[in-house]
Amino acid sequence: MLIPCPHCGPRDLAEFSYQGDATRVRPDPASTDMKAWYDYVYNRPNPSGPHREYWQHSGGCRAHLVVVRDTLSHEIISVAFAHAGLNTAEGRQ
């Protein structure tokens, strides 16, 4: 699988590190809602189709990226720097 790094261009998957699901929203750090924290830490969706994920180009420019990848075909739909839309409504799908 090739991931097109916005800074370095297309690179092999071996240069990247998966950093996690980019769709999850962390509960308020001051929250004492144990169900919300339990769901955040332990309950993970298993989506099929396009999915937003955090990746780091650890073997290259070290940039943190948001990759939209189809989990069925592994097709890369889009790639952007993570800081561009971090924790904004327009940055989530």
PDB file of N, CA and C in Angstrom:
ATOM      1  N   MET A   1       0.853  -1.172   0.000  1.00  0.00           N
ATOM      2  CA  MET A   1       0.000   0.000   0.000  1.00  0.00           C
ATOM      3  C   MET A   1       0.897   1.232   0.000  1.00  0.00           C
ATOM      4  N   LEU A   2       0.597   2.186  -0.846  1.00  0.00           N
ATOM      5  CA  LEU A   2       1.302   3.453  -0.899  1.00  0.00           C
ATOM      6  C   LEU A   2       0.451   4.524  -0.244  1.00  0.00           C
ATOM      7  N   ILE A   3       1.067   5.319   0.611  1.00  0.00           N
ATOM      8  CA  ILE A   3       0.386   6.453   1.235  1.00  0.00           C
ATOM      9  C   ILE A   3       1.035   7.716   0.679  1.00  0.00           C
ATOM     10  N   PRO A   4       0.238   8.602   0.059  1.00  0.00           N
ATOM     11  CA  PRO A   4       0.806   9.820  -0.513  1.00  0.00           C
ATOM     12  C   PRO A   4       1.007  10.899   0.560  1.00  0.00           C
ATOM     13  N   CYS A   5       2.203  10.977   1.122  1.00  0.00           N
ATOM     14  CA  CYS A   5       2.516  11.993   2.125  1.00  0.00           C
ATOM     15  C   CYS A   5       2.446  13.371   1.454  1.00  0.00           C
ATOM     16  N   PRO A   6       1.735  14.338   2.039  1.00  0.00           N
ATOM     17  CA  PRO A   6       1.641  15.670   1.424  1.00  0.00           C
ATOM     18  C   PRO A   6       3.000  16.365   1.318  1.00  0.00           C
ATOM     19  N   HIS A   7       3.950  15.959   2.139  1.00  0.00           N
ATOM     20  CA  HIS A   7       5.266  16.596   2.121  1.00  0.00           C
ATOM     21  C   HIS A   7       6.263  15.825   1.251  1.00  0.00           C
ATOM     22  N   CYS A   8       6.270  14.492   1.331  1.00  0.00           N
ATOM     23  CA  CYS A   8       7.291  13.660   0.675  1.00  0.00           C
ATOM     24  C   CYS A   8       6.816  12.970  -0.601  1.00  0.00           C
ATOM     25  N   GLY A   9       5.513  12.942  -0.847  1.00  0.00           N
ATOM     26  CA  GLY A   9       4.990  12.222  -1.997  1.00  0.00           C
ATOM     27  C   GLY A   9       4.645  10.786  -1.628  1.00  0.00           C
ATOM     28  N   PRO A  10       4.279   9.956  -2.606  1.00  0.00           N
ATOM     29  CA  PRO A  10       3.879   8.571  -2.335  1.00  0.00           C
ATOM     30  C   PRO A  10       5.020   7.763  -1.698  1.00  0.00           C
ATOM     31  N   ARG A  11       4.694   7.094  -0.597  1.00  0.00           N
ATOM     32  CA  ARG A  11       5.680   6.280   0.118  1.00  0.00           C
ATOM     33  C   ARG A  11       5.036   4.954   0.529  1.00  0.00           C
ATOM     34  N   ASP A  12       5.872   3.940   0.708  1.00  0.00           N
ATOM     35  CA  ASP A  12       5.411   2.619   1.103  1.00  0.00           C
ATOM     36  C   ASP A  12       4.872   2.642   2.542  1.00  0.00           C
ATOM     37  N   LEU A  13       3.927   1.786   2.810  1.00  0.00           N
ATOM     38  CA  LEU A  13       3.319   1.660   4.135  1.00  0.00           C
ATOM     39  C   LEU A  13       4.358   1.436   5.236  1.00  0.00           C
ATOM     40  N   ALA A  14       5.477   0.769   4.922  1.00  0.00           N
ATOM     41  CA  ALA A  14       6.504   0.462   5.921  1.00  0.00           C
ATOM     42  C   ALA A  14       7.104   1.722   6.549  1.00  0.00           C
ATOM     43  N   GLU A  15       6.988   2.879   5.889  1.00  0.00           N
ATOM     44  CA  GLU A  15       7.522   4.124   6.432  1.00  0.00           C
ATOM     45  C   GLU A  15       6.584   4.794   7.428  1.00  0.00           C
ATOM     46  N   PHE A  16       5.380   4.257   7.596  1.00  0.00           N
ATOM     47  CA  PHE A  16       4.356   4.910   8.414  1.00  0.00           C
ATOM     48  C   PHE A  16       4.029   4.096   9.656  1.00  0.00           C
ATOM     49  N   SER A  17       3.557   4.800  10.690  1.00  0.00           N
ATOM     50  CA  SER A  17       3.074   4.158  11.920  1.00  0.00           C
ATOM     51  C   SER A  17       1.618   4.550  12.121  1.00  0.00           C
ATOM     52  N   TYR A  18       0.776   3.545  12.332  1.00  0.00           N
ATOM     53  CA  TYR A  18      -0.640   3.793  12.614  1.00  0.00           C
ATOM     54  C   TYR A  18      -0.757   4.408  14.001  1.00  0.00           C
ATOM     55  N   GLN A  19      -1.517   5.491  14.126  1.00  0.00           N
ATOM     56  CA  GLN A  19      -1.638   6.194  15.396  1.00  0.00           C
ATOM     57  C   GLN A  19      -3.038   6.125  16.011  1.00  0.00           C
ATOM     58  N   GLY A  20      -4.009   5.594  15.279  1.00  0.00           N
ATOM     59  CA  GLY A  20      -5.330   5.416  15.877  1.00  0.00           C
ATOM     60  C   GLY A  20      -6.466   6.000  15.061  1.00  0.00           C
ATOM     61  N   ASP A  21      -7.645   5.809  15.590  1.00  0.00           N
ATOM     62  CA  ASP A  21      -8.904   6.246  14.995  1.00  0.00           C
ATOM     63  C   ASP A  21      -9.033   7.765  15.122  1.00  0.00           C
ATOM     64  N   ALA A  22      -9.260   8.459  14.016  1.00  0.00           N
ATOM     65  CA  ALA A  22      -9.369   9.917  14.039  1.00  0.00           C
ATOM     66  C   ALA A  22     -10.800  10.398  14.206  1.00  0.00           C
ATOM     67  N   THR A  23     -11.744   9.483  14.406  1.00  0.00           N
ATOM     68  CA  THR A  23     -13.140   9.894  14.555  1.00  0.00           C
ATOM     69  C   THR A  23     -13.586   9.956  16.011  1.00  0.00           C
ATOM     70  N   ARG A  24     -12.789   9.414  16.903  1.00  0.00           N
ATOM     71  CA  ARG A  24     -13.193   9.357  18.309  1.00  0.00           C
ATOM     72  C   ARG A  24     -13.061  10.724  18.970  1.00  0.00           C
ATOM     73  N   VAL A  25     -14.001  11.025  19.852  1.00  0.00           N
ATOM     74  CA  VAL A  25     -13.989  12.286  20.589  1.00  0.00           C
ATOM     75  C   VAL A  25     -13.743  11.973  22.057  1.00  0.00           C
ATOM     76  N   ARG A  26     -12.705  12.553  22.608  1.00  0.00           N
ATOM     77  CA  ARG A  26     -12.327  12.307  24.003  1.00  0.00           C
ATOM     78  C   ARG A  26     -13.294  13.020  24.944  1.00  0.00           C
ATOM     79  N   PRO A  27     -13.706  12.354  26.022  1.00  0.00           N
ATOM     80  CA  PRO A  27     -14.561  13.027  27.005  1.00  0.00           C
ATOM     81  C   PRO A  27     -13.808  14.188  27.670  1.00  0.00           C
ATOM     82  N   ASP A  28     -14.552  15.087  28.244  1.00  0.00           N
ATOM     83  CA  ASP A  28     -13.958  16.197  28.989  1.00  0.00           C
ATOM     84  C   ASP A  28     -13.039  15.618  30.063  1.00  0.00           C
ATOM     85  N   PRO A  29     -11.775  16.066  30.145  1.00  0.00           N
ATOM     86  CA  PRO A  29     -10.854  15.522  31.147  1.00  0.00           C
ATOM     87  C   PRO A  29     -11.362  15.652  32.588  1.00  0.00           C
ATOM     88  N   ALA A  30     -12.219  16.622  32.866  1.00  0.00           N
ATOM     89  CA  ALA A  30     -12.754  16.806  34.214  1.00  0.00           C
ATOM     90  C   ALA A  30     -13.984  15.933  34.469  1.00  0.00           C
ATOM     91  N   SER A  31     -14.438  15.235  33.454  1.00  0.00           N
ATOM     92  CA  SER A  31     -15.646  14.424  33.578  1.00  0.00           C
ATOM     93  C   SER A  31     -15.422  13.231  34.513  1.00  0.00           C
ATOM     94  N   THR A  32     -16.435  12.943  35.307  1.00  0.00           N
ATOM     95  CA  THR A  32     -16.410  11.750  36.167  1.00  0.00           C
ATOM     96  C   THR A  32     -17.399  10.697  35.657  1.00  0.00           C
ATOM     97  N   ASP A  33     -17.871  10.877  34.435  1.00  0.00           N
ATOM     98  CA  ASP A  33     -18.811   9.931  33.826  1.00  0.00           C
ATOM     99  C   ASP A  33     -18.032   8.672  33.434  1.00  0.00           C
ATOM    100  N   MET A  34     -18.108   7.648  34.277  1.00  0.00           N
ATOM    101  CA  MET A  34     -17.328   6.435  34.065  1.00  0.00           C
ATOM    102  C   MET A  34     -17.737   5.695  32.793  1.00  0.00           C
ATOM    103  N   LYS A  35     -19.015   5.751  32.418  1.00  0.00           N
ATOM    104  CA  LYS A  35     -19.452   5.098  31.188  1.00  0.00           C
ATOM    105  C   LYS A  35     -18.808   5.767  29.971  1.00  0.00           C
ATOM    106  N   ALA A  36     -18.760   7.095  29.962  1.00  0.00           N
ATOM    107  CA  ALA A  36     -18.146   7.809  28.842  1.00  0.00           C
ATOM    108  C   ALA A  36     -16.662   7.454  28.723  1.00  0.00           C
ATOM    109  N   TRP A  37     -15.958   7.396  29.849  1.00  0.00           N
ATOM    110  CA  TRP A  37     -14.540   7.036  29.834  1.00  0.00           C
ATOM    111  C   TRP A  37     -14.338   5.575  29.446  1.00  0.00           C
ATOM    112  N   TYR A  38     -15.191   4.695  29.941  1.00  0.00           N
ATOM    113  CA  TYR A  38     -15.094   3.273  29.577  1.00  0.00           C
ATOM    114  C   TYR A  38     -15.290   3.107  28.069  1.00  0.00           C
ATOM    115  N   ASP A  39     -16.323   3.761  27.538  1.00  0.00           N
ATOM    116  CA  ASP A  39     -16.581   3.677  26.097  1.00  0.00           C
ATOM    117  C   ASP A  39     -15.406   4.233  25.295  1.00  0.00           C
ATOM    118  N   TYR A  40     -14.823   5.340  25.748  1.00  0.00           N
ATOM    119  CA  TYR A  40     -13.705   5.949  25.036  1.00  0.00           C
ATOM    120  C   TYR A  40     -12.471   5.038  25.023  1.00  0.00           C
ATOM    121  N   VAL A  41     -12.200   4.407  26.157  1.00  0.00           N
ATOM    122  CA  VAL A  41     -10.988   3.585  26.279  1.00  0.00           C
ATOM    123  C   VAL A  41     -11.160   2.196  25.667  1.00  0.00           C
ATOM    124  N   TYR A  42     -12.305   1.557  25.881  1.00  0.00           N
ATOM    125  CA  TYR A  42     -12.443   0.140  25.531  1.00  0.00           C
ATOM    126  C   TYR A  42     -13.324  -0.177  24.331  1.00  0.00           C
ATOM    127  N   ASN A  43     -14.357   0.587  24.081  1.00  0.00           N
ATOM    128  CA  ASN A  43     -15.289   0.263  23.001  1.00  0.00           C
ATOM    129  C   ASN A  43     -14.823   0.894  21.702  1.00  0.00           C
ATOM    130  N   ARG A  44     -14.470   0.060  20.747  1.00  0.00           N
ATOM    131  CA  ARG A  44     -13.960   0.521  19.458  1.00  0.00           C
ATOM    132  C   ARG A  44     -14.886   0.057  18.343  1.00  0.00           C
ATOM    133  N   PRO A  45     -15.224   0.967  17.427  1.00  0.00           N
ATOM    134  CA  PRO A  45     -16.009   0.538  16.270  1.00  0.00           C
ATOM    135  C   PRO A  45     -15.133  -0.254  15.297  1.00  0.00           C
ATOM    136  N   ASN A  46     -15.759  -1.059  14.489  1.00  0.00           N
ATOM    137  CA  ASN A  46     -15.053  -1.817  13.455  1.00  0.00           C
ATOM    138  C   ASN A  46     -15.718  -1.480  12.122  1.00  0.00           C
ATOM    139  N   PRO A  47     -15.414  -0.276  11.585  1.00  0.00           N
ATOM    140  CA  PRO A  47     -16.133   0.189  10.398  1.00  0.00           C
ATOM    141  C   PRO A  47     -15.725  -0.555   9.135  1.00  0.00           C
ATOM    142  N   SER A  48     -16.642  -0.620   8.202  1.00  0.00           N
ATOM    143  CA  SER A  48     -16.316  -1.121   6.870  1.00  0.00           C
ATOM    144  C   SER A  48     -16.607   0.013   5.899  1.00  0.00           C
ATOM    145  N   GLY A  49     -15.638   0.311   5.063  1.00  0.00           N
ATOM    146  CA  GLY A  49     -15.760   1.435   4.141  1.00  0.00           C
ATOM    147  C   GLY A  49     -14.804   2.550   4.534  1.00  0.00           C
ATOM    148  N   PRO A  50     -15.029   3.766   4.046  1.00  0.00           N
ATOM    149  CA  PRO A  50     -14.133   4.879   4.336  1.00  0.00           C
ATOM    150  C   PRO A  50     -14.046   5.167   5.841  1.00  0.00           C
ATOM    151  N   HIS A  51     -12.817   5.359   6.319  1.00  0.00           N
ATOM    152  CA  HIS A  51     -12.590   5.582   7.747  1.00  0.00           C
ATOM    153  C   HIS A  51     -11.415   6.529   7.934  1.00  0.00           C
ATOM    154  N   ARG A  52     -11.572   7.506   8.847  1.00  0.00           N
ATOM    155  CA  ARG A  52     -10.503   8.471   9.147  1.00  0.00           C
ATOM    156  C   ARG A  52      -9.560   7.890  10.192  1.00  0.00           C
ATOM    157  N   GLU A  53      -8.245   7.958   9.918  1.00  0.00           N
ATOM    158  CA  GLU A  53      -7.244   7.389  10.812  1.00  0.00           C
ATOM    159  C   GLU A  53      -6.067   8.355  10.937  1.00  0.00           C
ATOM    160  N   TYR A  54      -5.424   8.336  12.100  1.00  0.00           N
ATOM    161  CA  TYR A  54      -4.181   9.082  12.290  1.00  0.00           C
ATOM    162  C   TYR A  54      -3.012   8.172  11.921  1.00  0.00           C
ATOM    163  N   TRP A  55      -2.071   8.695  11.168  1.00  0.00           N
ATOM    164  CA  TRP A  55      -0.836   8.007  10.806  1.00  0.00           C
ATOM    165  C   TRP A  55       0.311   8.982  10.999  1.00  0.00           C
ATOM    166  N   GLN A  56       1.509   8.463  11.274  1.00  0.00           N
ATOM    167  CA  GLN A  56       2.701   9.295  11.327  1.00  0.00           C
ATOM    168  C   GLN A  56       3.694   8.779  10.301  1.00  0.00           C
ATOM    169  N   HIS A  57       4.276   9.698   9.553  1.00  0.00           N
ATOM    170  CA  HIS A  57       5.305   9.315   8.580  1.00  0.00           C
ATOM    171  C   HIS A  57       6.625   9.185   9.345  1.00  0.00           C
ATOM    172  N   SER A  58       6.715   8.134  10.147  1.00  0.00           N
ATOM    173  CA  SER A  58       7.835   7.936  11.066  1.00  0.00           C
ATOM    174  C   SER A  58       9.144   7.629  10.357  1.00  0.00           C
ATOM    175  N   GLY A  59       9.087   7.109   9.143  1.00  0.00           N
ATOM    176  CA  GLY A  59      10.302   6.796   8.403  1.00  0.00           C
ATOM    177  C   GLY A  59      10.667   7.866   7.394  1.00  0.00           C
ATOM    178  N   GLY A  60      10.051   9.028   7.521  1.00  0.00           N
ATOM    179  CA  GLY A  60      10.303  10.115   6.572  1.00  0.00           C
ATOM    180  C   GLY A  60      10.310  11.455   7.282  1.00  0.00           C
ATOM    181  N   CYS A  61       9.366  12.312   6.921  1.00  0.00           N
ATOM    182  CA  CYS A  61       9.329  13.678   7.445  1.00  0.00           C
ATOM    183  C   CYS A  61       8.778  13.759   8.869  1.00  0.00           C
ATOM    184  N   ARG A  62       8.274  12.664   9.414  1.00  0.00           N
ATOM    185  CA  ARG A  62       7.738  12.546  10.770  1.00  0.00           C
ATOM    186  C   ARG A  62       6.432  13.320  10.976  1.00  0.00           C
ATOM    187  N   ALA A  63       5.793  13.749   9.900  1.00  0.00           N
ATOM    188  CA  ALA A  63       4.531  14.484   9.991  1.00  0.00           C
ATOM    189  C   ALA A  63       3.412  13.562  10.472  1.00  0.00           C
ATOM    190  N   HIS A  64       2.473  14.134  11.208  1.00  0.00           N
ATOM    191  CA  HIS A  64       1.265  13.425  11.614  1.00  0.00           C
ATOM    192  C   HIS A  64       0.199  13.732  10.568  1.00  0.00           C
ATOM    193  N   LEU A  65      -0.476  12.682  10.113  1.00  0.00           N
ATOM    194  CA  LEU A  65      -1.423  12.799   9.013  1.00  0.00           C
ATOM    195  C   LEU A  65      -2.780  12.242   9.389  1.00  0.00           C
ATOM    196  N   VAL A  66      -3.812  12.751   8.723  1.00  0.00           N
ATOM    197  CA  VAL A  66      -5.140  12.144   8.777  1.00  0.00           C
ATOM    198  C   VAL A  66      -5.356  11.505   7.416  1.00  0.00           C
ATOM    199  N   VAL A  67      -5.515  10.196   7.428  1.00  0.00           N
ATOM    200  CA  VAL A  67      -5.690   9.425   6.201  1.00  0.00           C
ATOM    201  C   VAL A  67      -7.111   8.889   6.192  1.00  0.00           C
ATOM    202  N   VAL A  68      -7.828   9.114   5.108  1.00  0.00           N
ATOM    203  CA  VAL A  68      -9.133   8.483   4.918  1.00  0.00           C
ATOM    204  C   VAL A  68      -8.874   7.274   4.031  1.00  0.00           C
ATOM    205  N   ARG A  69      -9.119   6.092   4.625  1.00  0.00           N
ATOM    206  CA  ARG A  69      -8.799   4.825   3.963  1.00  0.00           C
ATOM    207  C   ARG A  69     -10.039   3.943   3.949  1.00  0.00           C
ATOM    208  N   ASP A  70     -10.284   3.305   2.815  1.00  0.00           N
ATOM    209  CA  ASP A  70     -11.375   2.342   2.727  1.00  0.00           C
ATOM    210  C   ASP A  70     -10.894   1.051   3.382  1.00  0.00           C
ATOM    211  N   THR A  71     -11.551   0.644   4.466  1.00  0.00           N
ATOM    212  CA  THR A  71     -11.102  -0.523   5.222  1.00  0.00           C
ATOM    213  C   THR A  71     -11.361  -1.842   4.493  1.00  0.00           C
ATOM    214  N   LEU A  72     -12.177  -1.821   3.457  1.00  0.00           N
ATOM    215  CA  LEU A  72     -12.433  -3.038   2.683  1.00  0.00           C
ATOM    216  C   LEU A  72     -11.407  -3.248   1.579  1.00  0.00           C
ATOM    217  N   SER A  73     -11.053  -2.176   0.877  1.00  0.00           N
ATOM    218  CA  SER A  73     -10.134  -2.294  -0.258  1.00  0.00           C
ATOM    219  C   SER A  73      -8.741  -1.736   0.039  1.00  0.00           C
ATOM    220  N   HIS A  74      -8.568  -1.048   1.147  1.00  0.00           N
ATOM    221  CA  HIS A  74      -7.327  -0.360   1.540  1.00  0.00           C
ATOM    222  C   HIS A  74      -6.972   0.778   0.595  1.00  0.00           C
ATOM    223  N   GLU A  75      -7.935   1.233  -0.199  1.00  0.00           N
ATOM    224  CA  GLU A  75      -7.715   2.383  -1.073  1.00  0.00           C
ATOM    225  C   GLU A  75      -7.569   3.634  -0.209  1.00  0.00           C
ATOM    226  N   ILE A  76      -6.565   4.452  -0.507  1.00  0.00           N
ATOM    227  CA  ILE A  76      -6.377   5.720   0.187  1.00  0.00           C
ATOM    228  C   ILE A  76      -7.227   6.756  -0.533  1.00  0.00           C
ATOM    229  N   ILE A  77      -8.185   7.342   0.175  1.00  0.00           N
ATOM    230  CA  ILE A  77      -9.114   8.299  -0.421  1.00  0.00           C
ATOM    231  C   ILE A  77      -8.563   9.715  -0.322  1.00  0.00           C
ATOM    232  N   SER A  78      -8.010  10.064   0.845  1.00  0.00           N
ATOM    233  CA  SER A  78      -7.414  11.389   1.012  1.00  0.00           C
ATOM    234  C   SER A  78      -6.391  11.360   2.137  1.00  0.00           C
ATOM    235  N   VAL A  79      -5.465  12.309   2.078  1.00  0.00           N
ATOM    236  CA  VAL A  79      -4.430  12.461   3.100  1.00  0.00           C
ATOM    237  C   VAL A  79      -4.247  13.949   3.346  1.00  0.00           C
ATOM    238  N   ALA A  80      -4.174  14.333   4.619  1.00  0.00           N
ATOM    239  CA  ALA A  80      -3.941  15.734   4.982  1.00  0.00           C
ATOM    240  C   ALA A  80      -3.113  15.778   6.255  1.00  0.00           C
ATOM    241  N   PHE A  81      -2.431  16.889   6.464  1.00  0.00           N
ATOM    242  CA  PHE A  81      -1.713  17.064   7.721  1.00  0.00           C
ATOM    243  C   PHE A  81      -2.720  17.103   8.863  1.00  0.00           C
ATOM    244  N   ALA A  82      -2.419  16.443   9.960  1.00  0.00           N
ATOM    245  CA  ALA A  82      -3.360  16.349  11.081  1.00  0.00           C
ATOM    246  C   ALA A  82      -3.657  17.705  11.693  1.00  0.00           C
ATOM    247  N   HIS A  83      -2.691  18.597  11.738  1.00  0.00           N
ATOM    248  CA  HIS A  83      -2.913  19.902  12.365  1.00  0.00           C
ATOM    249  C   HIS A  83      -3.886  20.763  11.573  1.00  0.00           C
ATOM    250  N   ALA A  84      -4.140  20.436  10.296  1.00  0.00           N
ATOM    251  CA  ALA A  84      -5.014  21.242   9.450  1.00  0.00           C
ATOM    252  C   ALA A  84      -6.467  21.233   9.924  1.00  0.00           C
ATOM    253  N   GLY A  85      -6.971  20.101  10.419  1.00  0.00           N
ATOM    254  CA  GLY A  85      -8.372  20.031  10.819  1.00  0.00           C
ATOM    255  C   GLY A  85      -8.563  19.360  12.160  1.00  0.00           C
ATOM    256  N   LEU A  86      -7.563  19.420  13.024  1.00  0.00           N
ATOM    257  CA  LEU A  86      -7.596  18.715  14.298  1.00  0.00           C
ATOM    258  C   LEU A  86      -8.731  19.222  15.190  1.00  0.00           C
ATOM    259  N   ASN A  87      -9.610  18.278  15.592  1.00  0.00           N
ATOM    260  CA  ASN A  87     -10.695  18.549  16.531  1.00  0.00           C
ATOM    261  C   ASN A  87     -11.613  19.680  16.090  1.00  0.00           C
ATOM    262  N   THR A  88     -11.906  19.753  14.816  1.00  0.00           N
ATOM    263  CA  THR A  88     -12.879  20.710  14.328  1.00  0.00           C
ATOM    264  C   THR A  88     -14.012  19.946  13.687  1.00  0.00           C
ATOM    265  N   ALA A  89     -15.179  20.537  13.676  1.00  0.00           N
ATOM    266  CA  ALA A  89     -16.353  19.855  13.126  1.00  0.00           C
ATOM    267  C   ALA A  89     -16.143  19.526  11.649  1.00  0.00           C
ATOM    268  N   GLU A  90     -15.500  20.424  10.890  1.00  0.00           N
ATOM    269  CA  GLU A  90     -15.294  20.154   9.472  1.00  0.00           C
ATOM    270  C   GLU A  90     -14.201  19.131   9.246  1.00  0.00           C
ATOM    271  N   GLY A  91     -13.383  18.819  10.269  1.00  0.00           N
ATOM    272  CA  GLY A  91     -12.342  17.825  10.155  1.00  0.00           C
ATOM    273  C   GLY A  91     -12.821  16.415  10.431  1.00  0.00           C
ATOM    274  N   ARG A  92     -14.054  16.257  10.882  1.00  0.00           N
ATOM    275  CA  ARG A  92     -14.608  14.935  11.187  1.00  0.00           C
ATOM    276  C   ARG A  92     -15.578  14.503  10.115  1.00  0.00           C
ATOM    277  N   GLN A  93     -15.701  13.192   9.955  1.00  0.00           N
ATOM    278  CA  GLN A  93     -16.714  12.657   9.032  1.00  0.00           C
ATOM    279  C   GLN A  93     -17.755  11.931   9.815  1.00  0.00           C
TER     280      GLN A  93
END
